[in-house]
Amino acid sequence: MKNKLKIVGVVCHDAGGAEIVSSYIKQKKITPVFCLDGPAISIFERKLGKINNLSLSDLLKQSDWLLCGTSWQSDLEWSAIKEAKKKNKKVISFLDHWINYRSRFFHNNELLLPDEIWVGDESAFRIASNEFSNTLIIMKKNYSFIGFRREFSLVEKEEKYSLGKHGIKILFLSDNIAESLEHQFGDQNLFNYTDRSSFEYFYNNRLLINHNIIQITIRLHPSEKPTNFNWAISLQYPQVVKSNAKNLIEDFIQHDVVVGSDSMAMALAIMCKKRVVCSIPPKGRVCSLPFDEIEMLRDLTK
C-alpha cells in the first residue's frame, strides 16, 4: 500500500481542518499537491510557504490519494470525496473539533463518507466511532495542538508580558457561528444563540468574571468579514476593541481571560493554562468542548 500511495492530494477550506492537516503534512514531510480555498490558503502558506494551488480536477489527476479537512462553510471537501470515489482513489478526512461530525459530510441532500476518518484525541475518537460505526476511525497525533503549545511556551518566556497589574484584559473569540449555520442549514439561530447574543450575554454579565476589567478584545474568526462586531466597538466601559495581533498566541499572551462560545481556540487556551469561560446564553445549546476546566457563565449567573 505504501508504494502505491505516494502523492497526497490535500483539500481544505475551513480554518479548523486546515490547521490540523497542514501541521500533519509539515511534520510527516510527505509529498503533497494542494487544492485549497478560503482561510485554508493563508494557514497552509504560513506553515509551509508558498502553495501551488490546483483545481480539484487537476489535483485528482496528480495525486494517488486524498487527505481532506472538513468544512461547514464550503462543499469543497465533500466534492473531493465524491470525485475521488468516482476515480477509485482512497480518501481520508481528518476531523477537527468535537461537534456536528455527520453534517460535515452532508451536502446537497447527500451523505458522502470517506474511506477513513482520522481524529486527534480520545474524545473525538469516541464521538466519531458512535457517529460512523461502519467507517474506519483512526487516532493520529494532533501536531497542530503539540506545535501550538510548544510555540506558546517559547513566546511566553520571551515576552514577559505583565498581566493583571492594573486590571484584567479579556479576549473574546468569535467563531462565526451564524454564518456557518446559515450556509449549512439556512438558519442562523439553529443553536439558539449567535456570536452577537453570546457576546452580549458575556458583556452584560462580565462582572461575574472579574470586577476590574480594563479592556475587552474581540478576535474575529478567520472566515469573518472585517466589519463584523463594528457595532460593539462603541462600548466603552470597559473599552472594547478588535484584535490586531498577528496570531492567536500573541492574543493569548496579552490577555488574562479567554471567553467564547464553542471555538476550537478555547481548547487551545485551556492547553495554554488560560482561564476560559463559555458565554453561550442559557437558552443556547450546551458547550461541546470536552474540557472540565471551561467555566460556564450561565452557571455563574445562578
C-alpha atoms as a PDB file:
ATOM      1  CA  MET A   1       0.000   0.000   0.000  1.00  0.00           C
ATOM      2  CA  LYS A   2       2.804   2.443   0.868  1.00  0.00           C
ATOM      3  CA  ASN A   3       4.324   2.077  -2.587  1.00  0.00           C
ATOM      4  CA  LYS A   4       1.014   2.941  -4.192  1.00  0.00           C
ATOM      5  CA  LEU A   5       0.068   5.905  -2.018  1.00  0.00           C
ATOM      6  CA  LYS A   6       2.913   8.235  -2.959  1.00  0.00           C
ATOM      7  CA  ILE A   7       1.500  11.690  -3.619  1.00  0.00           C
ATOM      8  CA  VAL A   8      -1.241  13.013  -1.351  1.00  0.00           C
ATOM      9  CA  GLY A   9      -3.808  15.455  -2.650  1.00  0.00           C
ATOM     10  CA  VAL A  10      -4.636  17.883   0.169  1.00  0.00           C
ATOM     11  CA  VAL A  11      -8.073  19.500   0.115  1.00  0.00           C
ATOM     12  CA  CYS A  12      -9.093  22.100   2.727  1.00  0.00           C
ATOM     13  CA  HIS A  13     -11.289  25.151   3.126  1.00  0.00           C
ATOM     14  CA  ASP A  14     -12.203  25.915   6.762  1.00  0.00           C
ATOM     15  CA  ALA A  15      -9.637  27.067   9.317  1.00  0.00           C
ATOM     16  CA  GLY A  16     -10.014  24.194  11.805  1.00  0.00           C
ATOM     17  CA  GLY A  17      -9.337  21.464   9.289  1.00  0.00           C
ATOM     18  CA  ALA A  18      -6.566  23.478   7.670  1.00  0.00           C
ATOM     19  CA  GLU A  19      -4.704  23.857  10.969  1.00  0.00           C
ATOM     20  CA  ILE A  20      -4.702  20.157  11.755  1.00  0.00           C
ATOM     21  CA  VAL A  21      -3.982  18.913   8.214  1.00  0.00           C
ATOM     22  CA  SER A  22      -1.225  21.460   7.497  1.00  0.00           C
ATOM     23  CA  SER A  23       0.534  20.546  10.757  1.00  0.00           C
ATOM     24  CA  TYR A  24       0.319  16.861   9.873  1.00  0.00           C
ATOM     25  CA  ILE A  25       1.771  17.472   6.388  1.00  0.00           C
ATOM     26  CA  LYS A  26       4.591  19.589   7.822  1.00  0.00           C
ATOM     27  CA  GLN A  27       5.511  17.005  10.442  1.00  0.00           C
ATOM     28  CA  LYS A  28       5.363  13.968   8.171  1.00  0.00           C
ATOM     29  CA  LYS A  29       7.227  15.623   5.278  1.00  0.00           C
ATOM     30  CA  ILE A  30       5.183  13.744   2.675  1.00  0.00           C
ATOM     31  CA  THR A  31       4.804  14.845  -0.931  1.00  0.00           C
ATOM     32  CA  PRO A  32       1.610  16.881  -1.360  1.00  0.00           C
ATOM     33  CA  VAL A  33      -0.292  18.710  -4.038  1.00  0.00           C
ATOM     34  CA  PHE A  34      -2.929  21.200  -2.951  1.00  0.00           C
ATOM     35  CA  CYS A  35      -6.479  22.297  -3.671  1.00  0.00           C
ATOM     36  CA  LEU A  36      -7.192  24.974  -1.068  1.00  0.00           C
ATOM     37  CA  ASP A  37      -9.770  27.711  -0.676  1.00  0.00           C
ATOM     38  CA  GLY A  38     -10.954  30.199   1.936  1.00  0.00           C
ATOM     39  CA  PRO A  39      -8.995  30.541   5.224  1.00  0.00           C
ATOM     40  CA  ALA A  40      -7.024  27.369   4.435  1.00  0.00           C
ATOM     41  CA  ILE A  41      -4.807  29.159   1.907  1.00  0.00           C
ATOM     42  CA  SER A  42      -3.176  31.555   4.369  1.00  0.00           C
ATOM     43  CA  ILE A  43      -2.905  28.854   7.063  1.00  0.00           C
ATOM     44  CA  PHE A  44      -1.025  26.452   4.801  1.00  0.00           C
ATOM     45  CA  GLU A  45       1.240  29.189   3.444  1.00  0.00           C
ATOM     46  CA  ARG A  46       2.056  30.338   6.991  1.00  0.00           C
ATOM     47  CA  LYS A  47       3.270  26.847   7.853  1.00  0.00           C
ATOM     48  CA  LEU A  48       4.577  25.511   4.557  1.00  0.00           C
ATOM     49  CA  GLY A  49       5.450  28.538   2.427  1.00  0.00           C
ATOM     50  CA  LYS A  50       4.016  29.495  -0.957  1.00  0.00           C
ATOM     51  CA  ILE A  51       1.455  26.985  -2.233  1.00  0.00           C
ATOM     52  CA  ASN A  52       0.912  25.998  -5.850  1.00  0.00           C
ATOM     53  CA  ASN A  53      -2.861  25.800  -5.682  1.00  0.00           C
ATOM     54  CA  LEU A  54      -4.589  23.467  -8.139  1.00  0.00           C
ATOM     55  CA  SER A  55      -8.159  22.980  -9.220  1.00  0.00           C
ATOM     56  CA  LEU A  56      -9.847  19.904  -7.806  1.00  0.00           C
ATOM     57  CA  SER A  57      -9.783  18.151 -11.190  1.00  0.00           C
ATOM     58  CA  ASP A  58      -6.035  18.775 -11.615  1.00  0.00           C
ATOM     59  CA  LEU A  59      -5.344  17.656  -8.069  1.00  0.00           C
ATOM     60  CA  LEU A  60      -7.134  14.368  -8.684  1.00  0.00           C
ATOM     61  CA  LYS A  61      -5.019  13.774 -11.789  1.00  0.00           C
ATOM     62  CA  GLN A  62      -1.758  14.410  -9.939  1.00  0.00           C
ATOM     63  CA  SER A  63      -2.405  12.602  -6.649  1.00  0.00           C
ATOM     64  CA  ASP A  64      -2.526   8.973  -5.556  1.00  0.00           C
ATOM     65  CA  TRP A  65      -4.769   9.535  -2.547  1.00  0.00           C
ATOM     66  CA  LEU A  66      -6.558  12.403  -0.799  1.00  0.00           C
ATOM     67  CA  LEU A  67      -6.312  13.868   2.689  1.00  0.00           C
ATOM     68  CA  CYS A  68      -9.088  16.345   3.427  1.00  0.00           C
ATOM     69  CA  GLY A  69     -10.230  18.610   6.179  1.00  0.00           C
ATOM     70  CA  THR A  70     -13.948  19.131   6.753  1.00  0.00           C
ATOM     71  CA  SER A  71     -15.964  22.315   6.340  1.00  0.00           C
ATOM     72  CA  TRP A  72     -19.217  23.945   7.294  1.00  0.00           C
ATOM     73  CA  GLN A  73     -18.783  26.916   5.015  1.00  0.00           C
ATOM     74  CA  SER A  74     -17.901  25.107   1.806  1.00  0.00           C
ATOM     75  CA  ASP A  75     -18.629  21.881  -0.044  1.00  0.00           C
ATOM     76  CA  LEU A  76     -15.048  21.665  -1.366  1.00  0.00           C
ATOM     77  CA  GLU A  77     -14.044  18.638   0.702  1.00  0.00           C
ATOM     78  CA  TRP A  78     -17.414  16.961   0.095  1.00  0.00           C
ATOM     79  CA  SER A  79     -16.892  17.376  -3.660  1.00  0.00           C
ATOM     80  CA  ALA A  80     -13.390  15.948  -3.301  1.00  0.00           C
ATOM     81  CA  ILE A  81     -14.767  12.828  -1.618  1.00  0.00           C
ATOM     82  CA  LYS A  82     -17.364  12.439  -4.362  1.00  0.00           C
ATOM     83  CA  GLU A  83     -14.869  12.793  -7.200  1.00  0.00           C
ATOM     84  CA  ALA A  84     -12.259  10.587  -5.520  1.00  0.00           C
ATOM     85  CA  LYS A  85     -14.774   7.781  -5.171  1.00  0.00           C
ATOM     86  CA  LYS A  86     -15.580   8.032  -8.881  1.00  0.00           C
ATOM     87  CA  LYS A  87     -11.885   7.514  -9.638  1.00  0.00           C
ATOM     88  CA  ASN A  88     -11.385   4.766  -7.014  1.00  0.00           C
ATOM     89  CA  LYS A  89      -8.886   6.894  -5.118  1.00  0.00           C
ATOM     90  CA  LYS A  90      -8.571   6.445  -1.389  1.00  0.00           C
ATOM     91  CA  VAL A  91      -9.802   9.476   0.528  1.00  0.00           C
ATOM     92  CA  ILE A  92      -9.248  10.242   4.205  1.00  0.00           C
ATOM     93  CA  SER A  93     -10.842  13.049   6.239  1.00  0.00           C
ATOM     94  CA  PHE A  94      -9.117  14.486   9.311  1.00  0.00           C
ATOM     95  CA  LEU A  95     -11.755  15.782  11.732  1.00  0.00           C
ATOM     96  CA  ASP A  96     -11.243  18.842  13.882  1.00  0.00           C
ATOM     97  CA  HIS A  97     -13.384  19.908  16.846  1.00  0.00           C
ATOM     98  CA  TRP A  98     -15.949  17.677  18.556  1.00  0.00           C
ATOM     99  CA  ILE A  99     -19.312  18.661  17.062  1.00  0.00           C
ATOM    100  CA  ASN A 100     -21.522  18.244  14.009  1.00  0.00           C
ATOM    101  CA  TYR A 101     -19.459  15.470  12.504  1.00  0.00           C
ATOM    102  CA  ARG A 102     -22.196  13.997  10.338  1.00  0.00           C
ATOM    103  CA  SER A 103     -23.297  17.329   8.888  1.00  0.00           C
ATOM    104  CA  ARG A 104     -19.731  17.945   7.639  1.00  0.00           C
ATOM    105  CA  PHE A 105     -20.221  15.111   5.155  1.00  0.00           C
ATOM    106  CA  PHE A 106     -23.759  16.100   4.189  1.00  0.00           C
ATOM    107  CA  HIS A 107     -24.264  18.482   1.268  1.00  0.00           C
ATOM    108  CA  ASN A 108     -26.861  18.750  -1.476  1.00  0.00           C
ATOM    109  CA  ASN A 109     -29.046  16.316   0.468  1.00  0.00           C
ATOM    110  CA  GLU A 110     -26.416  13.595   0.136  1.00  0.00           C
ATOM    111  CA  LEU A 111     -24.213  11.981   2.784  1.00  0.00           C
ATOM    112  CA  LEU A 112     -20.748  11.049   1.494  1.00  0.00           C
ATOM    113  CA  LEU A 113     -18.266   9.422   3.841  1.00  0.00           C
ATOM    114  CA  PRO A 114     -14.540   8.916   3.173  1.00  0.00           C
ATOM    115  CA  ASP A 115     -12.740   5.577   3.289  1.00  0.00           C
ATOM    116  CA  GLU A 116     -11.142   6.511   6.620  1.00  0.00           C
ATOM    117  CA  ILE A 117     -11.665   9.178   9.267  1.00  0.00           C
ATOM    118  CA  TRP A 118      -8.749  10.430  11.339  1.00  0.00           C
ATOM    119  CA  VAL A 119      -9.141  12.142  14.699  1.00  0.00           C
ATOM    120  CA  GLY A 120      -6.636  13.762  17.027  1.00  0.00           C
ATOM    121  CA  ASP A 121      -7.772  12.796  20.537  1.00  0.00           C
ATOM    122  CA  GLU A 122      -9.725  10.218  22.520  1.00  0.00           C
ATOM    123  CA  SER A 123     -12.889  12.316  22.859  1.00  0.00           C
ATOM    124  CA  ALA A 124     -13.085  12.792  19.105  1.00  0.00           C
ATOM    125  CA  PHE A 125     -12.400   9.080  18.592  1.00  0.00           C
ATOM    126  CA  ARG A 126     -15.313   8.135  20.847  1.00  0.00           C
ATOM    127  CA  ILE A 127     -17.721  10.575  19.169  1.00  0.00           C
ATOM    128  CA  ALA A 128     -16.691   9.626  15.630  1.00  0.00           C
ATOM    129  CA  SER A 129     -16.920   5.902  16.406  1.00  0.00           C
ATOM    130  CA  ASN A 130     -20.503   6.356  17.603  1.00  0.00           C
ATOM    131  CA  GLU A 131     -21.430   8.520  14.605  1.00  0.00           C
ATOM    132  CA  PHE A 132     -19.797   6.369  11.907  1.00  0.00           C
ATOM    133  CA  SER A 133     -19.951   2.760  13.036  1.00  0.00           C
ATOM    134  CA  ASN A 134     -19.213   1.394   9.537  1.00  0.00           C
ATOM    135  CA  THR A 135     -16.238   3.652   8.783  1.00  0.00           C
ATOM    136  CA  LEU A 136     -12.661   3.025   9.900  1.00  0.00           C
ATOM    137  CA  ILE A 137     -11.726   5.585  12.589  1.00  0.00           C
ATOM    138  CA  ILE A 138      -8.024   6.055  13.320  1.00  0.00           C
ATOM    139  CA  MET A 139      -6.464   8.225  16.015  1.00  0.00           C
ATOM    140  CA  LYS A 140      -3.444  10.257  14.908  1.00  0.00           C
ATOM    141  CA  LYS A 141      -1.219  12.685  16.750  1.00  0.00           C
ATOM    142  CA  ASN A 142      -2.612  16.202  16.643  1.00  0.00           C
ATOM    143  CA  TYR A 143       0.571  18.025  15.626  1.00  0.00           C
ATOM    144  CA  SER A 144      -1.374  21.282  15.480  1.00  0.00           C
ATOM    145  CA  PHE A 145      -2.017  21.155  19.234  1.00  0.00           C
ATOM    146  CA  ILE A 146       1.507  19.947  20.013  1.00  0.00           C
ATOM    147  CA  GLY A 147       3.121  22.703  17.953  1.00  0.00           C
ATOM    148  CA  PHE A 148       0.830  25.399  19.335  1.00  0.00           C
ATOM    149  CA  ARG A 149       1.622  24.538  22.958  1.00  0.00           C
ATOM    150  CA  ARG A 150       5.341  24.478  22.226  1.00  0.00           C
ATOM    151  CA  GLU A 151       5.289  27.827  20.433  1.00  0.00           C
ATOM    152  CA  PHE A 152       3.165  29.454  23.142  1.00  0.00           C
ATOM    153  CA  SER A 153       5.598  28.351  25.850  1.00  0.00           C
ATOM    154  CA  LEU A 154       8.549  29.787  23.938  1.00  0.00           C
ATOM    155  CA  VAL A 155       6.858  33.121  23.245  1.00  0.00           C
ATOM    156  CA  GLU A 156       5.562  33.386  26.816  1.00  0.00           C
ATOM    157  CA  LYS A 157       9.113  33.111  28.173  1.00  0.00           C
ATOM    158  CA  GLU A 158      10.402  35.766  25.764  1.00  0.00           C
ATOM    159  CA  GLU A 159       7.562  38.296  26.036  1.00  0.00           C
ATOM    160  CA  LYS A 160       7.335  38.518  29.842  1.00  0.00           C
ATOM    161  CA  TYR A 161       4.013  40.337  29.456  1.00  0.00           C
ATOM    162  CA  SER A 162       2.677  41.736  32.750  1.00  0.00           C
ATOM    163  CA  LEU A 163      -0.913  40.567  33.211  1.00  0.00           C
ATOM    164  CA  GLY A 164      -3.416  41.729  35.813  1.00  0.00           C
ATOM    165  CA  LYS A 165      -1.244  44.534  37.177  1.00  0.00           C
ATOM    166  CA  HIS A 166      -3.768  47.357  36.713  1.00  0.00           C
ATOM    167  CA  GLY A 167      -6.827  45.267  35.895  1.00  0.00           C
ATOM    168  CA  ILE A 168      -7.537  42.357  33.595  1.00  0.00           C
ATOM    169  CA  LYS A 169      -7.954  42.109  29.833  1.00  0.00           C
ATOM    170  CA  ILE A 170     -10.413  39.657  28.343  1.00  0.00           C
ATOM    171  CA  LEU A 171     -10.154  38.120  24.874  1.00  0.00           C
ATOM    172  CA  PHE A 172     -13.494  37.258  23.242  1.00  0.00           C
ATOM    173  CA  LEU A 173     -13.265  34.650  20.493  1.00  0.00           C
ATOM    174  CA  SER A 174     -15.853  34.814  17.745  1.00  0.00           C
ATOM    175  CA  ASP A 175     -16.498  31.576  15.850  1.00  0.00           C
ATOM    176  CA  ASN A 176     -18.757  32.975  13.111  1.00  0.00           C
ATOM    177  CA  ILE A 177     -21.491  30.528  14.086  1.00  0.00           C
ATOM    178  CA  ALA A 178     -24.378  32.441  12.492  1.00  0.00           C
ATOM    179  CA  GLU A 179     -22.836  32.483   9.019  1.00  0.00           C
ATOM    180  CA  SER A 180     -21.841  28.824   9.284  1.00  0.00           C
ATOM    181  CA  LEU A 181     -25.352  27.739  10.278  1.00  0.00           C
ATOM    182  CA  GLU A 182     -26.919  29.913   7.604  1.00  0.00           C
ATOM    183  CA  HIS A 183     -24.743  28.282   4.951  1.00  0.00           C
ATOM    184  CA  GLN A 184     -25.207  24.736   6.197  1.00  0.00           C
ATOM    185  CA  PHE A 185     -28.826  24.710   7.401  1.00  0.00           C
ATOM    186  CA  GLY A 186     -30.395  28.027   6.336  1.00  0.00           C
ATOM    187  CA  ASP A 187     -30.986  29.019   9.974  1.00  0.00           C
ATOM    188  CA  GLN A 188     -28.584  31.369  11.777  1.00  0.00           C
ATOM    189  CA  ASN A 189     -30.215  30.700  15.136  1.00  0.00           C
ATOM    190  CA  LEU A 190     -30.393  26.907  14.913  1.00  0.00           C
ATOM    191  CA  PHE A 191     -28.446  26.531  18.177  1.00  0.00           C
ATOM    192  CA  ASN A 192     -30.475  29.300  19.873  1.00  0.00           C
ATOM    193  CA  TYR A 193     -27.540  31.689  20.016  1.00  0.00           C
ATOM    194  CA  THR A 194     -25.280  33.671  17.692  1.00  0.00           C
ATOM    195  CA  ASP A 195     -21.881  35.285  18.203  1.00  0.00           C
ATOM    196  CA  ARG A 196     -23.689  38.543  18.896  1.00  0.00           C
ATOM    197  CA  SER A 197     -26.007  37.115  21.552  1.00  0.00           C
ATOM    198  CA  SER A 198     -23.071  35.244  23.104  1.00  0.00           C
ATOM    199  CA  PHE A 199     -21.023  38.445  23.295  1.00  0.00           C
ATOM    200  CA  GLU A 200     -23.941  40.456  24.673  1.00  0.00           C
ATOM    201  CA  TYR A 201     -24.600  37.823  27.329  1.00  0.00           C
ATOM    202  CA  PHE A 202     -20.940  37.926  28.323  1.00  0.00           C
ATOM    203  CA  TYR A 203     -20.770  41.732  28.323  1.00  0.00           C
ATOM    204  CA  ASN A 204     -23.905  42.120  30.435  1.00  0.00           C
ATOM    205  CA  ASN A 205     -22.551  39.616  32.981  1.00  0.00           C
ATOM    206  CA  ARG A 206     -18.852  40.449  32.762  1.00  0.00           C
ATOM    207  CA  LEU A 207     -18.570  41.456  36.428  1.00  0.00           C
ATOM    208  CA  LEU A 208     -19.238  37.845  37.389  1.00  0.00           C
ATOM    209  CA  ILE A 209     -15.884  37.043  35.784  1.00  0.00           C
ATOM    210  CA  ASN A 210     -13.975  39.948  37.328  1.00  0.00           C
ATOM    211  CA  HIS A 211     -14.782  43.355  38.812  1.00  0.00           C
ATOM    212  CA  ASN A 212     -11.746  45.082  37.352  1.00  0.00           C
ATOM    213  CA  ILE A 213     -11.867  44.587  33.586  1.00  0.00           C
ATOM    214  CA  ILE A 214      -9.960  47.306  31.729  1.00  0.00           C
ATOM    215  CA  GLN A 215     -10.288  46.028  28.173  1.00  0.00           C
ATOM    216  CA  ILE A 216     -12.235  43.520  26.091  1.00  0.00           C
ATOM    217  CA  THR A 217     -10.647  42.467  22.816  1.00  0.00           C
ATOM    218  CA  ILE A 218     -12.695  40.757  20.100  1.00  0.00           C
ATOM    219  CA  ARG A 219     -10.789  38.326  17.906  1.00  0.00           C
ATOM    220  CA  LEU A 220     -12.666  37.633  14.691  1.00  0.00           C
ATOM    221  CA  HIS A 221     -12.827  34.162  13.201  1.00  0.00           C
ATOM    222  CA  PRO A 222     -10.635  33.770  10.072  1.00  0.00           C
ATOM    223  CA  SER A 223     -13.756  33.367   7.921  1.00  0.00           C
ATOM    224  CA  GLU A 224     -15.483  36.537   9.190  1.00  0.00           C
ATOM    225  CA  LYS A 225     -15.880  39.856   7.460  1.00  0.00           C
ATOM    226  CA  PRO A 226     -13.638  42.563   8.949  1.00  0.00           C
ATOM    227  CA  THR A 227     -16.744  44.688   9.620  1.00  0.00           C
ATOM    228  CA  ASN A 228     -18.314  42.104  11.940  1.00  0.00           C
ATOM    229  CA  PHE A 229     -18.636  43.375  15.508  1.00  0.00           C
ATOM    230  CA  ASN A 230     -18.240  47.009  14.458  1.00  0.00           C
ATOM    231  CA  TRP A 231     -21.385  47.651  16.498  1.00  0.00           C
ATOM    232  CA  ALA A 232     -19.583  46.563  19.677  1.00  0.00           C
ATOM    233  CA  ILE A 233     -16.680  48.995  19.371  1.00  0.00           C
ATOM    234  CA  SER A 234     -18.899  51.824  20.659  1.00  0.00           C
ATOM    235  CA  LEU A 235     -18.999  50.108  24.074  1.00  0.00           C
ATOM    236  CA  GLN A 236     -16.573  51.981  26.309  1.00  0.00           C
ATOM    237  CA  TYR A 237     -16.859  50.738  29.895  1.00  0.00           C
ATOM    238  CA  PRO A 238     -14.624  48.796  29.672  1.00  0.00           C
ATOM    239  CA  GLN A 239     -13.095  49.661  26.326  1.00  0.00           C
ATOM    240  CA  VAL A 240     -13.967  47.208  23.542  1.00  0.00           C
ATOM    241  CA  VAL A 241     -11.503  46.856  20.665  1.00  0.00           C
ATOM    242  CA  LYS A 242     -10.796  44.444  17.835  1.00  0.00           C
ATOM    243  CA  SER A 243      -7.641  42.390  17.913  1.00  0.00           C
ATOM    244  CA  ASN A 244      -4.771  43.449  15.706  1.00  0.00           C
ATOM    245  CA  ALA A 245      -2.478  40.679  16.960  1.00  0.00           C
ATOM    246  CA  LYS A 246      -0.561  38.837  14.281  1.00  0.00           C
ATOM    247  CA  ASN A 247      -1.675  35.459  15.622  1.00  0.00           C
ATOM    248  CA  LEU A 248      -3.640  33.705  18.349  1.00  0.00           C
ATOM    249  CA  ILE A 249      -0.568  33.137  20.510  1.00  0.00           C
ATOM    250  CA  GLU A 250       0.081  36.876  20.700  1.00  0.00           C
ATOM    251  CA  ASP A 251      -3.512  37.436  21.815  1.00  0.00           C
ATOM    252  CA  PHE A 252      -3.258  34.738  24.481  1.00  0.00           C
ATOM    253  CA  ILE A 253      -0.036  36.240  25.791  1.00  0.00           C
ATOM    254  CA  GLN A 254      -1.619  39.688  26.178  1.00  0.00           C
ATOM    255  CA  HIS A 255      -4.902  38.668  27.854  1.00  0.00           C
ATOM    256  CA  ASP A 256      -5.773  37.244  31.246  1.00  0.00           C
ATOM    257  CA  VAL A 257      -9.075  35.510  30.440  1.00  0.00           C
ATOM    258  CA  VAL A 258     -10.466  33.955  27.257  1.00  0.00           C
ATOM    259  CA  VAL A 259     -14.226  33.977  26.590  1.00  0.00           C
ATOM    260  CA  GLY A 260     -16.071  32.331  23.714  1.00  0.00           C
ATOM    261  CA  SER A 261     -18.895  30.050  22.678  1.00  0.00           C
ATOM    262  CA  ASP A 262     -17.692  26.759  21.217  1.00  0.00           C
ATOM    263  CA  SER A 263     -14.468  27.677  19.460  1.00  0.00           C
ATOM    264  CA  MET A 264     -11.511  25.375  18.893  1.00  0.00           C
ATOM    265  CA  ALA A 265      -9.373  28.290  20.053  1.00  0.00           C
ATOM    266  CA  MET A 266     -10.939  27.884  23.517  1.00  0.00           C
ATOM    267  CA  ALA A 267      -9.444  24.393  23.653  1.00  0.00           C
ATOM    268  CA  LEU A 268      -6.061  25.859  22.735  1.00  0.00           C
ATOM    269  CA  ALA A 269      -6.459  28.424  25.515  1.00  0.00           C
ATOM    270  CA  ILE A 270      -7.037  25.631  28.048  1.00  0.00           C
ATOM    271  CA  MET A 271      -3.855  23.937  26.835  1.00  0.00           C
ATOM    272  CA  CYS A 272      -2.023  27.222  27.441  1.00  0.00           C
ATOM    273  CA  LYS A 273      -3.290  27.327  31.049  1.00  0.00           C
ATOM    274  CA  LYS A 274      -5.597  30.290  30.469  1.00  0.00           C
ATOM    275  CA  ARG A 275      -8.823  30.829  32.371  1.00  0.00           C
ATOM    276  CA  VAL A 276     -11.586  30.081  29.846  1.00  0.00           C
ATOM    277  CA  VAL A 277     -15.277  30.970  30.131  1.00  0.00           C
ATOM    278  CA  CYS A 278     -18.081  29.822  27.828  1.00  0.00           C
ATOM    279  CA  SER A 279     -20.651  32.570  27.211  1.00  0.00           C
ATOM    280  CA  ILE A 280     -23.351  30.623  25.361  1.00  0.00           C
ATOM    281  CA  PRO A 281     -26.613  32.092  26.738  1.00  0.00           C
ATOM    282  CA  PRO A 282     -28.867  29.880  28.905  1.00  0.00           C
ATOM    283  CA  LYS A 283     -31.280  29.101  26.064  1.00  0.00           C
ATOM    284  CA  GLY A 284     -28.466  28.031  23.743  1.00  0.00           C
ATOM    285  CA  ARG A 285     -27.145  24.512  23.490  1.00  0.00           C
ATOM    286  CA  VAL A 286     -24.517  23.194  25.877  1.00  0.00           C
ATOM    287  CA  CYS A 287     -20.857  23.806  25.042  1.00  0.00           C
ATOM    288  CA  SER A 288     -19.448  20.752  23.266  1.00  0.00           C
ATOM    289  CA  LEU A 289     -15.782  21.206  24.187  1.00  0.00           C
ATOM    290  CA  PRO A 290     -14.677  18.218  26.320  1.00  0.00           C
ATOM    291  CA  PHE A 291     -12.708  20.191  28.909  1.00  0.00           C
ATOM    292  CA  ASP A 292     -13.828  20.325  32.540  1.00  0.00           C
ATOM    293  CA  GLU A 293     -11.657  23.430  33.059  1.00  0.00           C
ATOM    294  CA  ILE A 294     -14.028  25.573  30.971  1.00  0.00           C
ATOM    295  CA  GLU A 295     -16.292  27.656  33.227  1.00  0.00           C
ATOM    296  CA  MET A 296     -19.896  28.174  32.168  1.00  0.00           C
ATOM    297  CA  LEU A 297     -21.057  31.767  32.515  1.00  0.00           C
ATOM    298  CA  ARG A 298     -24.636  30.501  32.775  1.00  0.00           C
ATOM    299  CA  ASP A 299     -23.599  28.699  35.980  1.00  0.00           C
ATOM    300  CA  LEU A 300     -22.034  31.846  37.406  1.00  0.00           C
ATOM    301  CA  THR A 301     -25.303  33.738  36.914  1.00  0.00           C
ATOM    302  CA  LYS A 302     -27.346  31.305  39.014  1.00  0.00           C
END
